[in-house]
Amino acid sequence: MVTQLLVMVLIGLVGSFFSGLLGIGGAIINFPLLLYVPEWFGFTAFTPKEVASISMLQVFFASLSGVISNRLSTKGGASLVHKKLVIQMGFSTLIGSLIGSVSSIYLNGETINIIYGFLAVIAVIMMVIPTKAASENISVSQVTYNVLLAVISAFLVGIVSGIVGAGGAFILIPIMLTLLKIPTRITIASSLAIVFLSAVGGVIGKIAAGDIPFWLATFAVIGSLLGAPLGTYLSRRMNVRMLRYALVVLIAVTAVKVWVDILV
């Protein structure tokens, strides 16, 4: 039992470490780790529904930690969080995530894996193709965007993210940069709050679905809270470009394995 708990801490730590290091959503890494690693150590494998639930719980606490850290770091200075954007996209993705999480009750494990497989492919594309934001030399009050597009895109991302237990940052951030033309620094600061609201809806839905193994999930969360600050710290002190492309390969290989398991 102790070994299993240590494995859960390690999974949470590794996933959140790379999330903090490379600035991508942790769920896209945590999902395959939770799906395959416990079985490698001889423990009973989690079902895709349990994996999605644990991953969503990790996203909730990781994004909460990020929001708190961001508020503390901007205390006394100008905040880069676009409050109107957060409210509009945040509550849209919250509702979508809640719907996705609850609807996962009626989906089988293979369907959830298929959805993750598609998201993994999208994540690889998003990480490889460079995104171009709007001018960085504008303040939060000067930012304009298409409200309807923001609300609809956040809602749709919330649904699929809620199903697989993701916060959706790896899709939301490129949408905010390329479609809504939000400056990068405002996008990064605002996306934390949006993902947190998405995670709120997702956790409520997963609890309602009853698929969260809370005891094991608690240790995965502990690992996540340890790994994310370390990854963020190192990301400011090293060139992570090559490591980012290595992770692209890893996610791509994982996506291939998921699809092979589904189709074979």
Protein backbone atom coordinates (compact mmCIF):
# COMPACT_ATOMS: atom_id res chain seq x y z
CA MET A 1 0.00 0.00 0.00
CA VAL A 2 2.85 2.39 0.88
CA THR A 3 4.51 1.73 -2.48
CA GLN A 4 1.26 2.45 -4.30
CA LEU A 5 0.88 5.77 -2.46
CA LEU A 6 4.47 6.70 -3.33
CA VAL A 7 3.78 5.87 -6.98
CA MET A 8 0.75 8.20 -6.91
CA VAL A 9 2.86 11.01 -5.41
CA LEU A 10 5.50 10.41 -8.10
CA ILE A 11 2.90 10.50 -10.89
CA GLY A 12 1.49 13.77 -9.60
CA LEU A 13 4.96 15.25 -9.15
CA VAL A 14 6.24 14.32 -12.63
CA GLY A 15 3.10 15.46 -14.42
CA SER A 16 2.88 18.83 -12.67
CA PHE A 17 6.65 19.36 -12.91
CA PHE A 18 6.55 19.22 -16.71
CA SER A 19 3.37 21.28 -16.70
CA GLY A 20 5.10 24.06 -14.75
CA LEU A 21 8.33 23.69 -16.72
CA LEU A 22 6.75 23.89 -20.17
CA GLY A 23 3.65 25.95 -19.49
CA ILE A 24 1.12 23.41 -20.74
CA GLY A 25 -1.94 21.84 -19.19
CA GLY A 26 -0.98 19.15 -16.68
CA ALA A 27 -3.88 16.84 -17.57
CA ILE A 28 -2.48 16.08 -21.03
CA ILE A 29 0.53 14.53 -19.23
CA ASN A 30 -1.23 13.15 -16.14
CA PHE A 31 -3.83 11.18 -18.10
CA PRO A 32 -1.38 8.69 -19.69
CA LEU A 33 0.72 8.51 -16.51
CA LEU A 34 -2.32 7.55 -14.44
CA LEU A 35 -3.57 5.18 -17.13
CA TYR A 36 -0.38 3.14 -17.55
CA VAL A 37 2.16 3.66 -14.73
CA PRO A 38 0.28 1.96 -11.81
CA GLU A 39 -0.08 -1.19 -13.90
CA TRP A 40 3.66 -1.13 -14.69
CA PHE A 41 4.31 -1.34 -10.94
CA GLY A 42 1.95 -4.30 -10.60
CA PHE A 43 -1.04 -2.44 -9.16
CA THR A 44 -4.60 -2.64 -10.41
CA ALA A 45 -4.95 -0.27 -13.35
CA PHE A 46 -7.32 2.67 -13.06
CA THR A 47 -10.29 2.75 -15.39
CA PRO A 48 -10.40 5.68 -17.85
CA LYS A 49 -13.23 7.18 -15.75
CA GLU A 50 -11.10 7.01 -12.59
CA VAL A 51 -8.13 8.49 -14.46
CA ALA A 52 -10.27 11.40 -15.67
CA SER A 53 -11.57 12.01 -12.14
CA ILE A 54 -8.13 11.98 -10.49
CA SER A 55 -6.76 14.21 -13.24
CA MET A 56 -9.59 16.72 -12.77
CA LEU A 57 -8.92 16.86 -9.03
CA GLN A 58 -5.25 17.55 -9.76
CA VAL A 59 -6.18 20.32 -12.19
CA PHE A 60 -8.44 21.90 -9.55
CA PHE A 61 -5.74 22.15 -6.88
CA ALA A 62 -2.96 23.05 -9.32
CA SER A 63 -5.00 25.89 -10.86
CA LEU A 64 -6.09 27.08 -7.41
CA SER A 65 -2.44 27.22 -6.36
CA GLY A 66 -1.61 29.11 -9.55
CA VAL A 67 -4.39 31.66 -9.03
CA ILE A 68 -3.25 32.30 -5.44
CA SER A 69 0.39 32.64 -6.51
CA ASN A 70 -0.57 35.02 -9.30
CA ARG A 71 -2.59 37.23 -6.94
CA LEU A 72 0.26 37.33 -4.43
CA SER A 73 2.81 38.20 -7.11
CA THR A 74 0.70 41.09 -8.43
CA LYS A 75 -0.31 42.45 -5.03
CA GLY A 76 0.43 46.16 -4.97
CA GLY A 77 0.97 46.21 -8.74
CA ALA A 78 -1.15 46.25 -11.87
CA SER A 79 -2.96 42.96 -12.43
CA LEU A 80 -2.82 41.42 -15.91
CA VAL A 81 -6.03 39.45 -15.36
CA HIS A 82 -8.82 40.55 -17.68
CA LYS A 83 -11.76 40.22 -15.28
CA LYS A 84 -14.50 40.52 -17.91
CA LEU A 85 -12.83 37.87 -20.07
CA VAL A 86 -12.42 35.57 -17.07
CA ILE A 87 -16.09 35.91 -16.13
CA GLN A 88 -17.33 35.29 -19.66
CA MET A 89 -15.01 32.43 -20.61
CA GLY A 90 -14.66 31.10 -17.07
CA PHE A 91 -18.34 30.54 -16.43
CA SER A 92 -18.89 29.22 -19.96
CA THR A 93 -16.17 26.64 -19.50
CA LEU A 94 -17.45 25.89 -15.96
CA ILE A 95 -20.89 25.02 -17.34
CA GLY A 96 -19.34 23.05 -20.20
CA SER A 97 -17.02 21.17 -17.86
CA LEU A 98 -19.90 20.34 -15.52
CA ILE A 99 -21.93 18.98 -18.43
CA GLY A 100 -18.95 16.99 -19.71
CA SER A 101 -18.13 15.55 -16.28
CA VAL A 102 -21.70 14.47 -15.56
CA SER A 103 -22.19 13.08 -19.06
CA SER A 104 -19.09 10.90 -18.60
CA ILE A 105 -21.30 8.68 -16.41
CA TYR A 106 -22.92 7.47 -19.61
CA LEU A 107 -19.68 7.00 -21.56
CA ASN A 108 -17.61 3.84 -21.53
CA GLY A 109 -13.87 3.77 -20.98
CA GLU A 110 -13.08 3.32 -24.66
CA THR A 111 -14.99 6.47 -25.62
CA ILE A 112 -13.11 8.49 -22.98
CA ASN A 113 -9.81 7.15 -24.32
CA ILE A 114 -10.85 8.12 -27.86
CA ILE A 115 -11.61 11.67 -26.74
CA TYR A 116 -8.22 11.84 -24.98
CA GLY A 117 -6.59 10.51 -28.15
CA PHE A 118 -8.06 13.38 -30.17
CA LEU A 119 -7.06 15.92 -27.50
CA ALA A 120 -3.50 14.55 -27.45
CA VAL A 121 -3.24 15.03 -31.21
CA ILE A 122 -4.58 18.60 -30.87
CA ALA A 123 -2.08 19.25 -28.05
CA VAL A 124 0.82 18.12 -30.25
CA ILE A 125 -0.33 20.39 -33.07
CA MET A 126 -0.80 23.33 -30.69
CA MET A 127 2.69 22.83 -29.23
CA VAL A 128 4.40 22.61 -32.64
CA ILE A 129 2.64 25.40 -34.53
CA PRO A 130 3.75 28.84 -33.29
CA THR A 131 1.00 31.20 -32.19
CA LYS A 132 0.99 34.92 -32.77
CA ALA A 133 -0.78 37.17 -30.29
CA ALA A 134 -1.95 40.75 -30.61
CA SER A 135 0.28 43.68 -29.76
CA GLU A 136 1.80 43.35 -26.29
CA ASN A 137 1.94 47.10 -25.75
CA ILE A 138 -1.64 47.56 -24.62
CA SER A 139 -3.22 47.55 -21.17
CA VAL A 140 -5.97 45.25 -19.93
CA SER A 141 -8.55 48.03 -20.36
CA GLN A 142 -7.63 48.40 -24.05
CA VAL A 143 -8.12 44.74 -24.96
CA THR A 144 -11.06 44.01 -27.29
CA TYR A 145 -12.32 40.64 -28.54
CA ASN A 146 -15.34 38.82 -29.97
CA VAL A 147 -17.46 38.01 -26.91
CA LEU A 148 -19.68 35.43 -28.67
CA LEU A 149 -16.64 33.56 -30.01
CA ALA A 150 -15.03 33.61 -26.56
CA VAL A 151 -18.15 32.23 -24.84
CA ILE A 152 -18.87 29.50 -27.41
CA SER A 153 -15.27 28.29 -27.68
CA ALA A 154 -14.89 28.16 -23.88
CA PHE A 155 -18.14 26.20 -23.55
CA LEU A 156 -17.09 23.60 -26.14
CA VAL A 157 -13.60 23.23 -24.67
CA GLY A 158 -15.21 22.83 -21.24
CA ILE A 159 -17.36 19.90 -22.39
CA VAL A 160 -14.51 17.79 -23.79
CA SER A 161 -12.18 18.80 -20.95
CA GLY A 162 -14.75 17.79 -18.36
CA ILE A 163 -15.03 14.33 -19.92
CA VAL A 164 -11.30 13.54 -19.74
CA GLY A 165 -10.54 15.49 -16.57
CA ALA A 166 -8.59 18.36 -18.11
CA GLY A 167 -8.62 22.09 -17.50
CA GLY A 168 -8.32 22.78 -21.22
CA ALA A 169 -5.48 25.31 -20.99
CA PHE A 170 -3.55 23.74 -23.89
CA ILE A 171 -6.53 24.52 -26.17
CA LEU A 172 -7.83 27.70 -24.51
CA ILE A 173 -4.50 29.54 -24.62
CA PRO A 174 -4.01 29.18 -28.42
CA ILE A 175 -7.67 30.19 -28.91
CA MET A 176 -7.15 33.30 -26.79
CA LEU A 177 -3.92 34.18 -28.61
CA THR A 178 -4.89 33.49 -32.23
CA LEU A 179 -8.68 33.83 -32.47
CA LEU A 180 -9.42 36.39 -29.78
CA LYS A 181 -6.11 38.28 -30.27
CA ILE A 182 -5.43 38.64 -26.53
CA PRO A 183 -1.83 39.69 -25.67
CA THR A 184 0.32 36.85 -24.36
CA ARG A 185 0.93 38.21 -20.85
CA ILE A 186 -2.79 38.89 -20.34
CA THR A 187 -3.66 35.49 -21.81
CA ILE A 188 -1.37 33.62 -19.42
CA ALA A 189 -2.57 35.52 -16.36
CA SER A 190 -6.27 35.24 -17.26
CA SER A 191 -6.13 31.59 -18.35
CA LEU A 192 -5.22 30.51 -14.80
CA ALA A 193 -8.51 31.85 -13.46
CA ILE A 194 -10.47 30.45 -16.41
CA VAL A 195 -9.00 26.97 -15.94
CA PHE A 196 -9.75 27.15 -12.20
CA LEU A 197 -13.43 27.85 -12.91
CA SER A 198 -13.43 25.00 -15.43
CA ALA A 199 -11.98 22.70 -12.78
CA VAL A 200 -14.68 23.73 -10.29
CA GLY A 201 -17.37 22.52 -12.70
CA GLY A 202 -15.36 19.41 -13.53
CA VAL A 203 -14.81 18.38 -9.90
CA ILE A 204 -18.49 18.88 -9.05
CA GLY A 205 -19.41 16.68 -12.01
CA LYS A 206 -16.87 13.97 -11.15
CA ILE A 207 -18.05 13.87 -7.53
CA ALA A 208 -21.62 13.52 -8.78
CA ALA A 209 -20.49 10.71 -11.07
CA GLY A 210 -18.84 8.96 -8.09
CA ASP A 211 -15.68 7.96 -9.95
CA ILE A 212 -13.03 9.60 -7.72
CA PRO A 213 -10.87 7.22 -5.62
CA PHE A 214 -10.26 9.96 -3.04
CA TRP A 215 -7.53 8.29 -0.98
CA LEU A 216 -5.22 7.62 -3.92
CA ALA A 217 -6.18 10.90 -5.58
CA THR A 218 -5.09 12.80 -2.47
CA PHE A 219 -1.51 11.57 -2.87
CA ALA A 220 -1.49 12.43 -6.58
CA VAL A 221 -2.59 15.96 -5.62
CA ILE A 222 0.20 16.19 -3.03
CA GLY A 223 2.72 15.28 -5.73
CA SER A 224 1.19 17.87 -8.06
CA LEU A 225 1.51 20.65 -5.51
CA LEU A 226 5.19 19.73 -5.01
CA GLY A 227 6.10 19.44 -8.68
CA ALA A 228 4.44 22.53 -10.19
CA PRO A 229 6.45 25.18 -8.26
CA LEU A 230 9.70 23.34 -9.01
CA GLY A 231 8.92 23.19 -12.72
CA THR A 232 7.95 26.87 -12.80
CA TYR A 233 11.16 27.81 -10.96
CA LEU A 234 13.38 25.90 -13.40
CA SER A 235 11.50 27.20 -16.46
CA ARG A 236 12.78 30.71 -15.68
CA ARG A 237 16.39 29.52 -15.53
CA MET A 238 16.85 27.17 -18.48
CA ASN A 239 16.13 26.84 -22.19
CA VAL A 240 13.26 24.39 -22.39
CA ARG A 241 12.73 24.45 -26.18
CA MET A 242 14.34 21.06 -26.85
CA LEU A 243 12.65 19.55 -23.83
CA ARG A 244 9.33 20.89 -25.11
CA TYR A 245 9.80 19.09 -28.43
CA ALA A 246 10.82 15.93 -26.59
CA LEU A 247 7.53 16.14 -24.71
CA VAL A 248 5.70 16.58 -28.04
CA VAL A 249 7.20 13.26 -29.12
CA LEU A 250 6.19 11.66 -25.80
CA ILE A 251 2.59 12.86 -26.08
CA ALA A 252 2.47 11.76 -29.72
CA VAL A 253 3.72 8.28 -28.79
CA THR A 254 1.14 8.12 -26.00
CA ALA A 255 -1.60 9.10 -28.45
CA VAL A 256 -0.46 6.35 -30.81
CA LYS A 257 -0.55 3.79 -27.99
CA VAL A 258 -4.04 4.90 -26.95
CA TRP A 259 -5.27 4.56 -30.54
CA VAL A 260 -3.56 1.18 -30.95
CA ASP A 261 -5.21 -0.08 -27.75
CA ILE A 262 -8.58 1.12 -29.07
CA LEU A 263 -8.29 -0.22 -32.60
CA VAL A 264 -6.45 -3.50 -32.03
